[in-house]
Amino acid sequence: MKNILQFLSELDQNNNSVWFHQHKAQYQRARGEFEQLCANILARLSQNNSNFAFVKPKDCIFRINRDVRFSANKAPYKNNFGAYFAEGGKKSSKQGYYLHIQPQQSFLGGGAYENTPEMLYKLRQEISYEPEKFRNVFNNPIFKQHFPQLLGNQLKTAPKGYPKDHPQIDLLRHTQLYVAHGYADEELSEVDFVDKCIAHCQILQPFLSLLDEAFLF
């Protein structure tokens, strides 16, 4: 993982196409190591879910090139490696686990991140109708230990159709609802790093299952 972190650190300081092409071999070496990490994670995930056996690392890994068309930041490359592990890969409509590798900012997380109005409607209905299912997951001591904060953008007031004093208003105000567990750079090179990732995926799964149920009804 040192090659990955070193490349990303240097890229962050030299985010331009000239530098990138001059260091293409360094990128390919770092990318290869990340692909192997993803392959190891997929192999472990497939032990509990046979559908992951058909998913390849390339199906999960995001491109390093940034889409700068509508961004004020015109840097052409991301300063991280990211992968989304889901049945069907990163384009899947099912919930999955997102792994983000970036110097001093690595994490594994998941949840409702990019939501259409229809998805938010369904999620809020599910929270309103059966809040105990979500509260039980969020209040589970092991879940709280590894995913202590509910993250994501929130409305400043109640969403349309819900009173400001709704008992679940703290959840209903979310336009995004996700969690993340951070990793120190030193952890990435430890022999049990894949074990940690798999353990966090397992802890995260009950939350993702609730989201799949909400979005499917």
C-alpha atoms as a PDB file:
ATOM      1  CA  MET A   1       0.000   0.000   0.000  1.00  0.00           C
ATOM      2  CA  LYS A   2       3.001   2.299   0.351  1.00  0.00           C
ATOM      3  CA  ASN A   3       3.224   2.546  -3.449  1.00  0.00           C
ATOM      4  CA  ILE A   4      -0.425   3.575  -3.602  1.00  0.00           C
ATOM      5  CA  LEU A   5      -0.109   6.224  -0.901  1.00  0.00           C
ATOM      6  CA  GLN A   6       3.120   7.594  -2.338  1.00  0.00           C
ATOM      7  CA  PHE A   7       1.665   7.882  -5.834  1.00  0.00           C
ATOM      8  CA  LEU A   8      -1.508   9.574  -4.592  1.00  0.00           C
ATOM      9  CA  SER A   9       0.481  11.995  -2.445  1.00  0.00           C
ATOM     10  CA  GLU A  10       2.650  12.981  -5.406  1.00  0.00           C
ATOM     11  CA  LEU A  11      -0.362  13.230  -7.700  1.00  0.00           C
ATOM     12  CA  ASP A  12      -2.065  15.557  -5.242  1.00  0.00           C
ATOM     13  CA  GLN A  13       0.878  17.926  -5.592  1.00  0.00           C
ATOM     14  CA  ASN A  14       1.191  17.514  -9.392  1.00  0.00           C
ATOM     15  CA  ASN A  15      -2.343  17.142 -10.663  1.00  0.00           C
ATOM     16  CA  ASN A  16      -1.806  17.730 -14.357  1.00  0.00           C
ATOM     17  CA  SER A  17      -1.690  15.554 -17.448  1.00  0.00           C
ATOM     18  CA  VAL A  18       1.997  16.168 -18.191  1.00  0.00           C
ATOM     19  CA  TRP A  19       3.119  14.872 -14.787  1.00  0.00           C
ATOM     20  CA  PHE A  20       0.633  11.994 -14.895  1.00  0.00           C
ATOM     21  CA  HIS A  21       1.866  10.703 -18.253  1.00  0.00           C
ATOM     22  CA  GLN A  22       5.472  11.030 -17.150  1.00  0.00           C
ATOM     23  CA  HIS A  23       4.632   8.830 -14.145  1.00  0.00           C
ATOM     24  CA  LYS A  24       2.349   6.373 -15.956  1.00  0.00           C
ATOM     25  CA  ALA A  25       4.401   3.374 -14.814  1.00  0.00           C
ATOM     26  CA  GLN A  26       4.098   4.499 -11.176  1.00  0.00           C
ATOM     27  CA  TYR A  27       0.342   4.853 -11.604  1.00  0.00           C
ATOM     28  CA  GLN A  28       0.015   1.419 -13.187  1.00  0.00           C
ATOM     29  CA  ARG A  29       1.968  -0.143 -10.326  1.00  0.00           C
ATOM     30  CA  ALA A  30      -0.244   1.554  -7.737  1.00  0.00           C
ATOM     31  CA  ARG A  31      -3.387   0.695  -9.681  1.00  0.00           C
ATOM     32  CA  GLY A  32      -2.290  -2.933  -9.886  1.00  0.00           C
ATOM     33  CA  GLU A  33      -1.866  -3.098  -6.110  1.00  0.00           C
ATOM     34  CA  PHE A  34      -5.312  -1.589  -5.615  1.00  0.00           C
ATOM     35  CA  GLU A  35      -6.823  -4.115  -8.030  1.00  0.00           C
ATOM     36  CA  GLN A  36      -5.231  -6.927  -6.032  1.00  0.00           C
ATOM     37  CA  LEU A  37      -6.650  -5.504  -2.813  1.00  0.00           C
ATOM     38  CA  CYS A  38     -10.098  -5.378  -4.415  1.00  0.00           C
ATOM     39  CA  ALA A  39      -9.709  -8.949  -5.682  1.00  0.00           C
ATOM     40  CA  ASN A  40      -8.882 -10.109  -2.157  1.00  0.00           C
ATOM     41  CA  ILE A  41     -11.928  -8.326  -0.743  1.00  0.00           C
ATOM     42  CA  LEU A  42     -14.209  -9.765  -3.433  1.00  0.00           C
ATOM     43  CA  ALA A  43     -12.899 -13.269  -2.757  1.00  0.00           C
ATOM     44  CA  ARG A  44     -13.798 -12.892   0.901  1.00  0.00           C
ATOM     45  CA  LEU A  45     -17.201 -11.359   0.171  1.00  0.00           C
ATOM     46  CA  SER A  46     -18.035 -14.243  -2.157  1.00  0.00           C
ATOM     47  CA  GLN A  47     -17.621 -16.688   0.735  1.00  0.00           C
ATOM     48  CA  ASN A  48     -20.851 -15.351   2.259  1.00  0.00           C
ATOM     49  CA  ASN A  49     -22.582 -14.252  -0.941  1.00  0.00           C
ATOM     50  CA  SER A  50     -21.989 -16.344  -4.063  1.00  0.00           C
ATOM     51  CA  ASN A  51     -23.134 -13.460  -6.301  1.00  0.00           C
ATOM     52  CA  PHE A  52     -19.838 -11.702  -5.595  1.00  0.00           C
ATOM     53  CA  ALA A  53     -18.003 -14.594  -7.264  1.00  0.00           C
ATOM     54  CA  PHE A  54     -19.048 -13.135 -10.628  1.00  0.00           C
ATOM     55  CA  VAL A  55     -17.828  -9.602  -9.849  1.00  0.00           C
ATOM     56  CA  LYS A  56     -14.361  -8.568 -11.022  1.00  0.00           C
ATOM     57  CA  PRO A  57     -12.197  -5.775  -9.588  1.00  0.00           C
ATOM     58  CA  LYS A  58     -12.595  -3.759 -12.794  1.00  0.00           C
ATOM     59  CA  ASP A  59     -16.364  -3.872 -12.270  1.00  0.00           C
ATOM     60  CA  CYS A  60     -15.932  -2.096  -8.927  1.00  0.00           C
ATOM     61  CA  ILE A  61     -13.063   0.364  -9.378  1.00  0.00           C
ATOM     62  CA  PHE A  62     -13.813   3.948 -10.362  1.00  0.00           C
ATOM     63  CA  ARG A  63     -11.780   5.759 -12.997  1.00  0.00           C
ATOM     64  CA  ILE A  64      -9.080   8.090 -11.712  1.00  0.00           C
ATOM     65  CA  ASN A  65     -10.047  10.713 -14.299  1.00  0.00           C
ATOM     66  CA  ARG A  66     -12.348  13.435 -12.997  1.00  0.00           C
ATOM     67  CA  ASP A  67     -15.372  14.782 -14.874  1.00  0.00           C
ATOM     68  CA  VAL A  68     -14.542  18.491 -14.848  1.00  0.00           C
ATOM     69  CA  ARG A  69     -17.299  19.687 -17.178  1.00  0.00           C
ATOM     70  CA  PHE A  70     -19.461  21.184 -14.453  1.00  0.00           C
ATOM     71  CA  SER A  71     -16.853  21.652 -11.736  1.00  0.00           C
ATOM     72  CA  ALA A  72     -14.943  24.752 -10.713  1.00  0.00           C
ATOM     73  CA  ASN A  73     -12.063  22.430  -9.842  1.00  0.00           C
ATOM     74  CA  LYS A  74     -10.399  21.630 -13.169  1.00  0.00           C
ATOM     75  CA  ALA A  75      -7.807  19.193 -11.792  1.00  0.00           C
ATOM     76  CA  PRO A  76      -7.975  16.284 -14.258  1.00  0.00           C
ATOM     77  CA  TYR A  77      -7.399  13.439 -11.785  1.00  0.00           C
ATOM     78  CA  LYS A  78      -8.840  12.255  -8.493  1.00  0.00           C
ATOM     79  CA  ASN A  79      -6.415  12.147  -5.578  1.00  0.00           C
ATOM     80  CA  ASN A  80      -7.804   8.808  -4.395  1.00  0.00           C
ATOM     81  CA  PHE A  81      -8.576   5.258  -5.468  1.00  0.00           C
ATOM     82  CA  GLY A  82     -12.184   4.202  -4.945  1.00  0.00           C
ATOM     83  CA  ALA A  83     -14.166   1.002  -5.405  1.00  0.00           C
ATOM     84  CA  TYR A  84     -17.797   0.069  -4.859  1.00  0.00           C
ATOM     85  CA  PHE A  85     -18.436  -3.559  -3.948  1.00  0.00           C
ATOM     86  CA  ALA A  86     -21.975  -4.569  -4.844  1.00  0.00           C
ATOM     87  CA  GLU A  87     -23.685  -7.371  -6.698  1.00  0.00           C
ATOM     88  CA  GLY A  88     -23.153  -6.270 -10.283  1.00  0.00           C
ATOM     89  CA  GLY A  89     -20.340  -3.851  -9.466  1.00  0.00           C
ATOM     90  CA  LYS A  90     -20.248  -0.077  -9.214  1.00  0.00           C
ATOM     91  CA  LYS A  91     -23.195   0.398 -11.586  1.00  0.00           C
ATOM     92  CA  SER A  92     -25.480  -1.791  -9.485  1.00  0.00           C
ATOM     93  CA  SER A  93     -28.743  -0.393  -8.133  1.00  0.00           C
ATOM     94  CA  LYS A  94     -28.245  -2.459  -4.988  1.00  0.00           C
ATOM     95  CA  GLN A  95     -26.547  -1.163  -1.871  1.00  0.00           C
ATOM     96  CA  GLY A  96     -22.859  -1.949  -1.492  1.00  0.00           C
ATOM     97  CA  TYR A  97     -19.629  -1.103   0.297  1.00  0.00           C
ATOM     98  CA  TYR A  98     -17.489   1.832  -0.797  1.00  0.00           C
ATOM     99  CA  LEU A  99     -13.728   1.680  -0.161  1.00  0.00           C
ATOM    100  CA  HIS A 100     -11.821   4.953  -0.454  1.00  0.00           C
ATOM    101  CA  ILE A 101      -8.018   5.011  -0.334  1.00  0.00           C
ATOM    102  CA  GLN A 102      -6.426   8.436   0.106  1.00  0.00           C
ATOM    103  CA  PRO A 103      -3.495   9.540   2.248  1.00  0.00           C
ATOM    104  CA  GLN A 104      -4.809  10.303   5.755  1.00  0.00           C
ATOM    105  CA  GLN A 105      -8.421  10.094   4.532  1.00  0.00           C
ATOM    106  CA  SER A 106      -9.075   6.409   3.801  1.00  0.00           C
ATOM    107  CA  PHE A 107     -12.391   4.861   4.822  1.00  0.00           C
ATOM    108  CA  LEU A 108     -14.972   2.172   4.168  1.00  0.00           C
ATOM    109  CA  GLY A 109     -18.614   3.174   4.177  1.00  0.00           C
ATOM    110  CA  GLY A 110     -22.023   2.829   2.644  1.00  0.00           C
ATOM    111  CA  GLY A 111     -25.559   4.122   2.640  1.00  0.00           C
ATOM    112  CA  ALA A 112     -27.905   6.408   0.743  1.00  0.00           C
ATOM    113  CA  TYR A 113     -25.514   8.844  -0.926  1.00  0.00           C
ATOM    114  CA  GLU A 114     -26.901   9.758  -4.361  1.00  0.00           C
ATOM    115  CA  ASN A 115     -30.679   9.842  -4.026  1.00  0.00           C
ATOM    116  CA  THR A 116     -33.392  10.688  -6.502  1.00  0.00           C
ATOM    117  CA  PRO A 117     -36.573  12.372  -5.198  1.00  0.00           C
ATOM    118  CA  GLU A 118     -38.315   8.994  -5.508  1.00  0.00           C
ATOM    119  CA  MET A 119     -35.638   7.305  -3.414  1.00  0.00           C
ATOM    120  CA  LEU A 120     -35.867   9.968  -0.709  1.00  0.00           C
ATOM    121  CA  TYR A 121     -39.651   9.609  -0.669  1.00  0.00           C
ATOM    122  CA  LYS A 122     -39.382   5.850  -0.176  1.00  0.00           C
ATOM    123  CA  LEU A 123     -36.675   6.154   2.459  1.00  0.00           C
ATOM    124  CA  ARG A 124     -38.636   8.694   4.491  1.00  0.00           C
ATOM    125  CA  GLN A 125     -41.760   6.585   4.301  1.00  0.00           C
ATOM    126  CA  GLU A 126     -39.860   3.568   5.601  1.00  0.00           C
ATOM    127  CA  ILE A 127     -38.289   5.587   8.433  1.00  0.00           C
ATOM    128  CA  SER A 128     -41.670   7.040   9.352  1.00  0.00           C
ATOM    129  CA  TYR A 129     -43.536   3.713   9.247  1.00  0.00           C
ATOM    130  CA  GLU A 130     -40.933   1.503  10.909  1.00  0.00           C
ATOM    131  CA  PRO A 131     -38.408   3.713  12.705  1.00  0.00           C
ATOM    132  CA  GLU A 132     -37.475   1.021  15.207  1.00  0.00           C
ATOM    133  CA  LYS A 133     -35.763  -0.991  12.449  1.00  0.00           C
ATOM    134  CA  PHE A 134     -33.388   1.887  11.748  1.00  0.00           C
ATOM    135  CA  ARG A 135     -32.949   2.859  15.405  1.00  0.00           C
ATOM    136  CA  ASN A 136     -32.088  -0.712  16.341  1.00  0.00           C
ATOM    137  CA  VAL A 137     -29.306  -0.773  13.751  1.00  0.00           C
ATOM    138  CA  PHE A 138     -27.940   2.676  14.573  1.00  0.00           C
ATOM    139  CA  ASN A 139     -28.085   2.080  18.330  1.00  0.00           C
ATOM    140  CA  ASN A 140     -26.442  -1.333  18.193  1.00  0.00           C
ATOM    141  CA  PRO A 141     -23.283  -0.978  20.328  1.00  0.00           C
ATOM    142  CA  ILE A 142     -21.018  -2.654  17.770  1.00  0.00           C
ATOM    143  CA  PHE A 143     -22.426  -0.547  14.938  1.00  0.00           C
ATOM    144  CA  LYS A 144     -21.963   2.640  16.984  1.00  0.00           C
ATOM    145  CA  GLN A 145     -18.429   1.660  17.903  1.00  0.00           C
ATOM    146  CA  HIS A 146     -17.323   1.367  14.281  1.00  0.00           C
ATOM    147  CA  PHE A 147     -19.754   3.799  12.619  1.00  0.00           C
ATOM    148  CA  PRO A 148     -20.377   6.418  15.333  1.00  0.00           C
ATOM    149  CA  GLN A 149     -21.882   9.154  13.146  1.00  0.00           C
ATOM    150  CA  LEU A 150     -24.736   9.357  10.676  1.00  0.00           C
ATOM    151  CA  LEU A 151     -23.380  11.422   7.791  1.00  0.00           C
ATOM    152  CA  GLY A 152     -24.825  13.277   4.830  1.00  0.00           C
ATOM    153  CA  ASN A 153     -26.487  16.528   3.851  1.00  0.00           C
ATOM    154  CA  GLN A 154     -29.598  17.561   5.743  1.00  0.00           C
ATOM    155  CA  LEU A 155     -32.442  19.977   5.254  1.00  0.00           C
ATOM    156  CA  LYS A 156     -32.577  22.942   7.638  1.00  0.00           C
ATOM    157  CA  THR A 157     -36.240  22.277   8.268  1.00  0.00           C
ATOM    158  CA  ALA A 158     -38.705  19.399   7.949  1.00  0.00           C
ATOM    159  CA  PRO A 159     -39.196  17.826   4.507  1.00  0.00           C
ATOM    160  CA  LYS A 160     -42.483  18.449   2.745  1.00  0.00           C
ATOM    161  CA  GLY A 161     -45.303  16.405   4.225  1.00  0.00           C
ATOM    162  CA  TYR A 162     -43.741  15.980   7.681  1.00  0.00           C
ATOM    163  CA  PRO A 163     -44.255  18.166  10.775  1.00  0.00           C
ATOM    164  CA  LYS A 164     -41.265  19.833  12.395  1.00  0.00           C
ATOM    165  CA  ASP A 165     -41.961  17.954  15.620  1.00  0.00           C
ATOM    166  CA  HIS A 166     -42.081  14.514  13.998  1.00  0.00           C
ATOM    167  CA  PRO A 167     -40.426  12.012  16.390  1.00  0.00           C
ATOM    168  CA  GLN A 168     -38.034  10.889  13.622  1.00  0.00           C
ATOM    169  CA  ILE A 169     -37.270  14.364  12.310  1.00  0.00           C
ATOM    170  CA  ASP A 170     -33.519  13.949  12.887  1.00  0.00           C
ATOM    171  CA  LEU A 171     -33.505  11.132  10.310  1.00  0.00           C
ATOM    172  CA  LEU A 172     -36.160  12.537   8.001  1.00  0.00           C
ATOM    173  CA  ARG A 173     -34.202  15.755   7.429  1.00  0.00           C
ATOM    174  CA  HIS A 174     -31.395  13.807   5.766  1.00  0.00           C
ATOM    175  CA  THR A 175     -31.121  14.114   1.994  1.00  0.00           C
ATOM    176  CA  GLN A 176     -28.152  11.757   2.283  1.00  0.00           C
ATOM    177  CA  LEU A 177     -27.812   9.080   4.958  1.00  0.00           C
ATOM    178  CA  TYR A 178     -24.562   7.161   5.119  1.00  0.00           C
ATOM    179  CA  VAL A 179     -21.791   6.073   7.483  1.00  0.00           C
ATOM    180  CA  ALA A 180     -18.031   5.584   7.237  1.00  0.00           C
ATOM    181  CA  HIS A 181     -15.197   4.028   9.205  1.00  0.00           C
ATOM    182  CA  GLY A 182     -11.824   5.690   8.779  1.00  0.00           C
ATOM    183  CA  TYR A 183      -8.449   3.963   8.473  1.00  0.00           C
ATOM    184  CA  ALA A 184      -5.079   5.398   9.424  1.00  0.00           C
ATOM    185  CA  ASP A 185      -2.396   5.109   6.738  1.00  0.00           C
ATOM    186  CA  GLU A 186      -0.537   2.589   8.893  1.00  0.00           C
ATOM    187  CA  GLU A 187      -3.546   0.250   8.939  1.00  0.00           C
ATOM    188  CA  LEU A 188      -3.573  -0.063   5.165  1.00  0.00           C
ATOM    189  CA  SER A 189      -0.312  -2.020   5.165  1.00  0.00           C
ATOM    190  CA  GLU A 190      -1.195  -4.321   8.060  1.00  0.00           C
ATOM    191  CA  VAL A 191      -1.607  -8.007   7.238  1.00  0.00           C
ATOM    192  CA  ASP A 192      -5.150  -8.015   8.615  1.00  0.00           C
ATOM    193  CA  PHE A 193      -6.405  -5.017   6.644  1.00  0.00           C
ATOM    194  CA  VAL A 194      -8.664  -7.139   4.422  1.00  0.00           C
ATOM    195  CA  ASP A 195     -10.006  -8.806   7.580  1.00  0.00           C
ATOM    196  CA  LYS A 196     -10.876  -5.374   8.945  1.00  0.00           C
ATOM    197  CA  CYS A 197     -12.635  -4.404   5.719  1.00  0.00           C
ATOM    198  CA  ILE A 198     -14.707  -7.590   5.729  1.00  0.00           C
ATOM    199  CA  ALA A 199     -15.608  -7.135   9.398  1.00  0.00           C
ATOM    200  CA  HIS A 200     -16.803  -3.593   8.699  1.00  0.00           C
ATOM    201  CA  CYS A 201     -18.797  -4.803   5.693  1.00  0.00           C
ATOM    202  CA  GLN A 202     -20.559  -7.316   7.937  1.00  0.00           C
ATOM    203  CA  ILE A 203     -21.322  -4.674  10.564  1.00  0.00           C
ATOM    204  CA  LEU A 204     -22.622  -2.346   7.851  1.00  0.00           C
ATOM    205  CA  GLN A 205     -24.813  -4.933   6.106  1.00  0.00           C
ATOM    206  CA  PRO A 206     -27.965  -4.615   8.299  1.00  0.00           C
ATOM    207  CA  PHE A 207     -28.153  -0.908   7.441  1.00  0.00           C
ATOM    208  CA  LEU A 208     -27.684  -1.597   3.731  1.00  0.00           C
ATOM    209  CA  SER A 209     -30.364  -4.296   3.833  1.00  0.00           C
ATOM    210  CA  LEU A 210     -32.824  -1.771   5.264  1.00  0.00           C
ATOM    211  CA  LEU A 211     -32.037   0.627   2.438  1.00  0.00           C
ATOM    212  CA  ASP A 212     -32.508  -2.085  -0.188  1.00  0.00           C
ATOM    213  CA  GLU A 213     -35.893  -2.907   1.348  1.00  0.00           C
ATOM    214  CA  ALA A 214     -36.894   0.760   1.392  1.00  0.00           C
ATOM    215  CA  PHE A 215     -35.920   1.424  -2.224  1.00  0.00           C
ATOM    216  CA  LEU A 216     -37.528  -1.760  -3.575  1.00  0.00           C
ATOM    217  CA  PHE A 217     -41.051  -1.345  -2.218  1.00  0.00           C
END
